[in-house]
């Protein structure tokens, strides 16, 4: 799967495999962002084992 996040002056667009999943108005202004990856195991899960494989992260500014 390929997850995408595009931030424009007007909106924030989330995609999965190129398909738009959600659009929201950009109320963040010119906030600086950085990539962060987290594996979340919900509270109450015993012996929760999680795995995530990341081939690459691409960050660019248009």
PDB file of N, CA and C in Angstrom:
ATOM      1  N   UNK A   1       0.842  -1.176   0.000  1.00  0.00           N
ATOM      2  CA  UNK A   1       0.000   0.000   0.000  1.00  0.00           C
ATOM      3  C   UNK A   1       0.887   1.239   0.000  1.00  0.00           C
ATOM      4  N   UNK A   2       0.403   2.251  -0.663  1.00  0.00           N
ATOM      5  CA  UNK A   2       1.112   3.532  -0.708  1.00  0.00           C
ATOM      6  C   UNK A   2       0.208   4.586  -0.098  1.00  0.00           C
ATOM      7  N   UNK A   3       0.665   5.175   0.998  1.00  0.00           N
ATOM      8  CA  UNK A   3      -0.089   6.212   1.698  1.00  0.00           C
ATOM      9  C   UNK A   3       0.455   7.571   1.293  1.00  0.00           C
ATOM     10  N   UNK A   4      -0.435   8.514   1.042  1.00  0.00           N
ATOM     11  CA  UNK A   4      -0.005   9.841   0.640  1.00  0.00           C
ATOM     12  C   UNK A   4      -0.694  10.927   1.451  1.00  0.00           C
ATOM     13  N   UNK A   5       0.000  12.034   1.582  1.00  0.00           N
ATOM     14  CA  UNK A   5      -0.552  13.208   2.256  1.00  0.00           C
ATOM     15  C   UNK A   5      -0.089  14.427   1.473  1.00  0.00           C
ATOM     16  N   UNK A   6      -1.041  15.176   0.945  1.00  0.00           N
ATOM     17  CA  UNK A   6      -0.728  16.390   0.198  1.00  0.00           C
ATOM     18  C   UNK A   6      -1.315  17.569   0.947  1.00  0.00           C
ATOM     19  N   UNK A   7      -0.461  18.557   1.199  1.00  0.00           N
ATOM     20  CA  UNK A   7      -0.904  19.754   1.917  1.00  0.00           C
ATOM     21  C   UNK A   7      -0.793  20.940   0.970  1.00  0.00           C
ATOM     22  N   UNK A   8      -1.924  21.587   0.710  1.00  0.00           N
ATOM     23  CA  UNK A   8      -1.933  22.784  -0.112  1.00  0.00           C
ATOM     24  C   UNK A   8      -2.335  23.966   0.770  1.00  0.00           C
ATOM     25  N   UNK A   9      -2.337  25.144   0.210  1.00  0.00           N
ATOM     26  CA  UNK A   9      -2.768  26.320   0.963  1.00  0.00           C
ATOM     27  C   UNK A   9      -4.216  26.199   1.421  1.00  0.00           C
ATOM     28  N   UNK A  10      -5.032  25.474   0.659  1.00  0.00           N
ATOM     29  CA  UNK A  10      -6.468  25.403   0.934  1.00  0.00           C
ATOM     30  C   UNK A  10      -6.918  24.127   1.640  1.00  0.00           C
ATOM     31  N   UNK A  11      -6.231  22.988   1.375  1.00  0.00           N
ATOM     32  CA  UNK A  11      -6.717  21.739   1.935  1.00  0.00           C
ATOM     33  C   UNK A  11      -5.602  20.733   2.205  1.00  0.00           C
ATOM     34  N   UNK A  12      -5.957  19.705   2.979  1.00  0.00           N
ATOM     35  CA  UNK A  12      -5.091  18.570   3.260  1.00  0.00           C
ATOM     36  C   UNK A  12      -5.779  17.354   2.667  1.00  0.00           C
ATOM     37  N   UNK A  13      -5.048  16.578   1.872  1.00  0.00           N
ATOM     38  CA  UNK A  13      -5.631  15.452   1.144  1.00  0.00           C
ATOM     39  C   UNK A  13      -4.882  14.177   1.521  1.00  0.00           C
ATOM     40  N   UNK A  14      -5.628  13.168   2.010  1.00  0.00           N
ATOM     41  CA  UNK A  14      -5.055  11.867   2.347  1.00  0.00           C
ATOM     42  C   UNK A  14      -5.391  10.906   1.218  1.00  0.00           C
ATOM     43  N   UNK A  15      -4.407  10.079   0.805  1.00  0.00           N
ATOM     44  CA  UNK A  15      -4.651   9.092  -0.240  1.00  0.00           C
ATOM     45  C   UNK A  15      -4.094   7.730   0.165  1.00  0.00           C
ATOM     46  N   UNK A  16      -4.683   6.692  -0.404  1.00  0.00           N
ATOM     47  CA  UNK A  16      -4.161   5.330  -0.296  1.00  0.00           C
ATOM     48  C   UNK A  16      -4.152   4.772  -1.708  1.00  0.00           C
ATOM     49  N   UNK A  17      -2.978   4.352  -2.155  1.00  0.00           N
ATOM     50  CA  UNK A  17      -2.796   3.835  -3.517  1.00  0.00           C
ATOM     51  C   UNK A  17      -3.349   4.790  -4.567  1.00  0.00           C
ATOM     52  N   UNK A  18      -3.162   6.084  -4.337  1.00  0.00           N
ATOM     53  CA  UNK A  18      -3.577   7.095  -5.303  1.00  0.00           C
ATOM     54  C   UNK A  18      -5.040   7.503  -5.239  1.00  0.00           C
ATOM     55  N   UNK A  19      -5.828   6.840  -4.402  1.00  0.00           N
ATOM     56  CA  UNK A  19      -7.248   7.164  -4.274  1.00  0.00           C
ATOM     57  C   UNK A  19      -7.452   8.094  -3.084  1.00  0.00           C
ATOM     58  N   UNK A  20      -8.161   9.194  -3.311  1.00  0.00           N
ATOM     59  CA  UNK A  20      -8.424  10.144  -2.226  1.00  0.00           C
ATOM     60  C   UNK A  20      -9.332   9.491  -1.188  1.00  0.00           C
ATOM     61  N   UNK A  21      -8.879   9.511   0.067  1.00  0.00           N
ATOM     62  CA  UNK A  21      -9.633   8.927   1.173  1.00  0.00           C
ATOM     63  C   UNK A  21     -10.357  10.025   1.962  1.00  0.00           C
ATOM     64  N   UNK A  22      -9.688  11.177   2.116  1.00  0.00           N
ATOM     65  CA  UNK A  22     -10.281  12.256   2.904  1.00  0.00           C
ATOM     66  C   UNK A  22      -9.703  13.591   2.450  1.00  0.00           C
ATOM     67  N   UNK A  23     -10.529  14.612   2.535  1.00  0.00           N
ATOM     68  CA  UNK A  23     -10.120  15.994   2.295  1.00  0.00           C
ATOM     69  C   UNK A  23     -10.614  16.840   3.452  1.00  0.00           C
ATOM     70  N   UNK A  24      -9.763  17.745   3.920  1.00  0.00           N
ATOM     71  CA  UNK A  24     -10.138  18.674   4.992  1.00  0.00           C
ATOM     72  C   UNK A  24      -9.605  20.050   4.642  1.00  0.00           C
ATOM     73  N   UNK A  25     -10.281  21.083   5.105  1.00  0.00           N
ATOM     74  CA  UNK A  25      -9.750  22.428   4.952  1.00  0.00           C
ATOM     75  C   UNK A  25      -8.434  22.545   5.706  1.00  0.00           C
ATOM     76  N   UNK A  26      -7.474  23.239   5.132  1.00  0.00           N
ATOM     77  CA  UNK A  26      -6.181  23.441   5.790  1.00  0.00           C
ATOM     78  C   UNK A  26      -6.311  24.594   6.769  1.00  0.00           C
ATOM     79  N   UNK A  27      -6.361  24.258   8.033  1.00  0.00           N
ATOM     80  CA  UNK A  27      -6.410  25.276   9.086  1.00  0.00           C
ATOM     81  C   UNK A  27      -5.076  25.367   9.808  1.00  0.00           C
ATOM     82  N   UNK A  28      -4.044  24.716   9.252  1.00  0.00           N
ATOM     83  CA  UNK A  28      -2.726  24.662   9.891  1.00  0.00           C
ATOM     84  C   UNK A  28      -1.800  25.777   9.451  1.00  0.00           C
ATOM     85  N   UNK A  29      -2.180  26.499   8.416  1.00  0.00           N
ATOM     86  CA  UNK A  29      -1.330  27.585   7.930  1.00  0.00           C
ATOM     87  C   UNK A  29      -0.012  27.067   7.403  1.00  0.00           C
ATOM     88  N   UNK A  30       1.076  27.702   7.792  1.00  0.00           N
ATOM     89  CA  UNK A  30       2.413  27.331   7.315  1.00  0.00           C
ATOM     90  C   UNK A  30       3.175  26.499   8.337  1.00  0.00           C
ATOM     91  N   UNK A  31       2.479  25.672   9.088  1.00  0.00           N
ATOM     92  CA  UNK A  31       3.108  24.816  10.083  1.00  0.00           C
ATOM     93  C   UNK A  31       4.127  23.897   9.417  1.00  0.00           C
ATOM     94  N   UNK A  32       5.303  23.763  10.003  1.00  0.00           N
ATOM     95  CA  UNK A  32       6.330  22.852   9.491  1.00  0.00           C
ATOM     96  C   UNK A  32       6.011  21.434   9.956  1.00  0.00           C
ATOM     97  N   UNK A  33       6.203  20.455   9.079  1.00  0.00           N
ATOM     98  CA  UNK A  33       5.935  19.064   9.375  1.00  0.00           C
ATOM     99  C   UNK A  33       7.199  18.239   9.183  1.00  0.00           C
ATOM    100  N   UNK A  34       7.228  17.066   9.777  1.00  0.00           N
ATOM    101  CA  UNK A  34       8.304  16.104   9.559  1.00  0.00           C
ATOM    102  C   UNK A  34       7.700  14.708   9.582  1.00  0.00           C
ATOM    103  N   UNK A  35       8.304  13.757   8.851  1.00  0.00           N
ATOM    104  CA  UNK A  35       7.756  12.405   8.834  1.00  0.00           C
ATOM    105  C   UNK A  35       7.951  11.728  10.188  1.00  0.00           C
ATOM    106  N   UNK A  36       6.945  11.009  10.625  1.00  0.00           N
ATOM    107  CA  UNK A  36       7.020  10.212  11.844  1.00  0.00           C
ATOM    108  C   UNK A  36       6.207   8.938  11.621  1.00  0.00           C
ATOM    109  N   UNK A  37       6.736   7.826  12.054  1.00  0.00           N
ATOM    110  CA  UNK A  37       6.070   6.544  11.890  1.00  0.00           C
ATOM    111  C   UNK A  37       5.865   5.939  13.266  1.00  0.00           C
ATOM    112  N   UNK A  38       4.675   5.411  13.509  1.00  0.00           N
ATOM    113  CA  UNK A  38       4.354   4.841  14.804  1.00  0.00           C
ATOM    114  C   UNK A  38       3.589   3.543  14.617  1.00  0.00           C
ATOM    115  N   UNK A  39       3.920   2.546  15.412  1.00  0.00           N
ATOM    116  CA  UNK A  39       3.151   1.312  15.458  1.00  0.00           C
ATOM    117  C   UNK A  39       2.379   1.351  16.761  1.00  0.00           C
ATOM    118  N   UNK A  40       1.082   1.432  16.662  1.00  0.00           N
ATOM    119  CA  UNK A  40       0.222   1.610  17.826  1.00  0.00           C
ATOM    120  C   UNK A  40      -0.422   0.286  18.206  1.00  0.00           C
ATOM    121  N   UNK A  41      -0.271  -0.111  19.464  1.00  0.00           N
ATOM    122  CA  UNK A  41      -0.949  -1.288  19.993  1.00  0.00           C
ATOM    123  C   UNK A  41      -1.954  -0.784  21.022  1.00  0.00           C
ATOM    124  N   UNK A  42      -3.250  -0.994  20.770  1.00  0.00           N
ATOM    125  CA  UNK A  42      -4.278  -0.447  21.664  1.00  0.00           C
ATOM    126  C   UNK A  42      -4.142  -0.945  23.102  1.00  0.00           C
ATOM    127  N   UNK A  43      -4.563  -0.106  24.022  1.00  0.00           N
ATOM    128  CA  UNK A  43      -4.560  -0.465  25.431  1.00  0.00           C
ATOM    129  C   UNK A  43      -5.446  -1.687  25.653  1.00  0.00           C
ATOM    130  N   UNK A  44      -5.005  -2.589  26.489  1.00  0.00           N
ATOM    131  CA  UNK A  44      -5.789  -3.773  26.792  1.00  0.00           C
ATOM    132  C   UNK A  44      -5.457  -4.969  25.925  1.00  0.00           C
ATOM    133  N   UNK A  45      -4.650  -4.795  24.901  1.00  0.00           N
ATOM    134  CA  UNK A  45      -4.257  -5.917  24.054  1.00  0.00           C
ATOM    135  C   UNK A  45      -3.074  -6.609  24.721  1.00  0.00           C
ATOM    136  N   UNK A  46      -3.238  -7.892  25.010  1.00  0.00           N
ATOM    137  CA  UNK A  46      -2.170  -8.647  25.653  1.00  0.00           C
ATOM    138  C   UNK A  46      -1.276  -9.276  24.601  1.00  0.00           C
ATOM    139  N   UNK A  47       0.009  -9.231  24.877  1.00  0.00           N
ATOM    140  CA  UNK A  47       0.999  -9.812  23.958  1.00  0.00           C
ATOM    141  C   UNK A  47       0.846  -9.263  22.546  1.00  0.00           C
ATOM    142  N   UNK A  48       0.488  -7.977  22.457  1.00  0.00           N
ATOM    143  CA  UNK A  48       0.304  -7.357  21.153  1.00  0.00           C
ATOM    144  C   UNK A  48       1.614  -7.311  20.385  1.00  0.00           C
ATOM    145  N   UNK A  49       1.622  -7.926  19.254  1.00  0.00           N
ATOM    146  CA  UNK A  49       2.809  -7.927  18.410  1.00  0.00           C
ATOM    147  C   UNK A  49       2.430  -7.198  17.137  1.00  0.00           C
ATOM    148  N   UNK A  50       3.211  -6.200  16.795  1.00  0.00           N
ATOM    149  CA  UNK A  50       2.943  -5.450  15.581  1.00  0.00           C
ATOM    150  C   UNK A  50       4.184  -5.416  14.705  1.00  0.00           C
ATOM    151  N   UNK A  51       3.965  -5.289  13.439  1.00  0.00           N
ATOM    152  CA  UNK A  51       5.076  -5.228  12.500  1.00  0.00           C
ATOM    153  C   UNK A  51       4.715  -4.266  11.389  1.00  0.00           C
ATOM    154  N   UNK A  52       5.679  -3.494  10.973  1.00  0.00           N
ATOM    155  CA  UNK A  52       5.479  -2.590   9.856  1.00  0.00           C
ATOM    156  C   UNK A  52       6.747  -2.611   9.016  1.00  0.00           C
ATOM    157  N   UNK A  53       6.591  -2.774   7.728  1.00  0.00           N
ATOM    158  CA  UNK A  53       7.713  -2.745   6.790  1.00  0.00           C
ATOM    159  C   UNK A  53       7.582  -1.498   5.940  1.00  0.00           C
ATOM    160  N   UNK A  54       8.627  -0.688   5.951  1.00  0.00           N
ATOM    161  CA  UNK A  54       8.631   0.541   5.161  1.00  0.00           C
ATOM    162  C   UNK A  54       9.776   0.447   4.164  1.00  0.00           C
ATOM    163  N   UNK A  55       9.425   0.523   2.887  1.00  0.00           N
ATOM    164  CA  UNK A  55      10.450   0.468   1.853  1.00  0.00           C
ATOM    165  C   UNK A  55      11.135   1.818   1.684  1.00  0.00           C
ATOM    166  N   UNK A  56      10.357   2.885   1.725  1.00  0.00           N
ATOM    167  CA  UNK A  56      10.921   4.220   1.586  1.00  0.00           C
ATOM    168  C   UNK A  56       9.904   5.264   1.987  1.00  0.00           C
ATOM    169  N   UNK A  57      10.405   6.445   2.304  1.00  0.00           N
ATOM    170  CA  UNK A  57       9.571   7.622   2.570  1.00  0.00           C
ATOM    171  C   UNK A  57      10.089   8.719   1.668  1.00  0.00           C
ATOM    172  N   UNK A  58       9.187   9.323   0.923  1.00  0.00           N
ATOM    173  CA  UNK A  58       9.573  10.418   0.031  1.00  0.00           C
ATOM    174  C   UNK A  58       8.905  11.699   0.521  1.00  0.00           C
ATOM    175  N   UNK A  59       9.698  12.727   0.673  1.00  0.00           N
ATOM    176  CA  UNK A  59       9.186  14.031   1.095  1.00  0.00           C
ATOM    177  C   UNK A  59       9.677  15.037   0.061  1.00  0.00           C
ATOM    178  N   UNK A  60       8.769  15.840  -0.442  1.00  0.00           N
ATOM    179  CA  UNK A  60       9.182  16.865  -1.388  1.00  0.00           C
ATOM    180  C   UNK A  60       8.295  18.094  -1.240  1.00  0.00           C
ATOM    181  N   UNK A  61       8.817  19.192  -1.714  1.00  0.00           N
ATOM    182  CA  UNK A  61       8.079  20.455  -1.670  1.00  0.00           C
ATOM    183  C   UNK A  61       7.907  20.938  -3.100  1.00  0.00           C
ATOM    184  N   UNK A  62       6.667  21.237  -3.454  1.00  0.00           N
ATOM    185  CA  UNK A  62       6.362  21.682  -4.829  1.00  0.00           C
ATOM    186  C   UNK A  62       6.658  23.153  -4.981  1.00  0.00           C
TER     187      UNK A  62
END
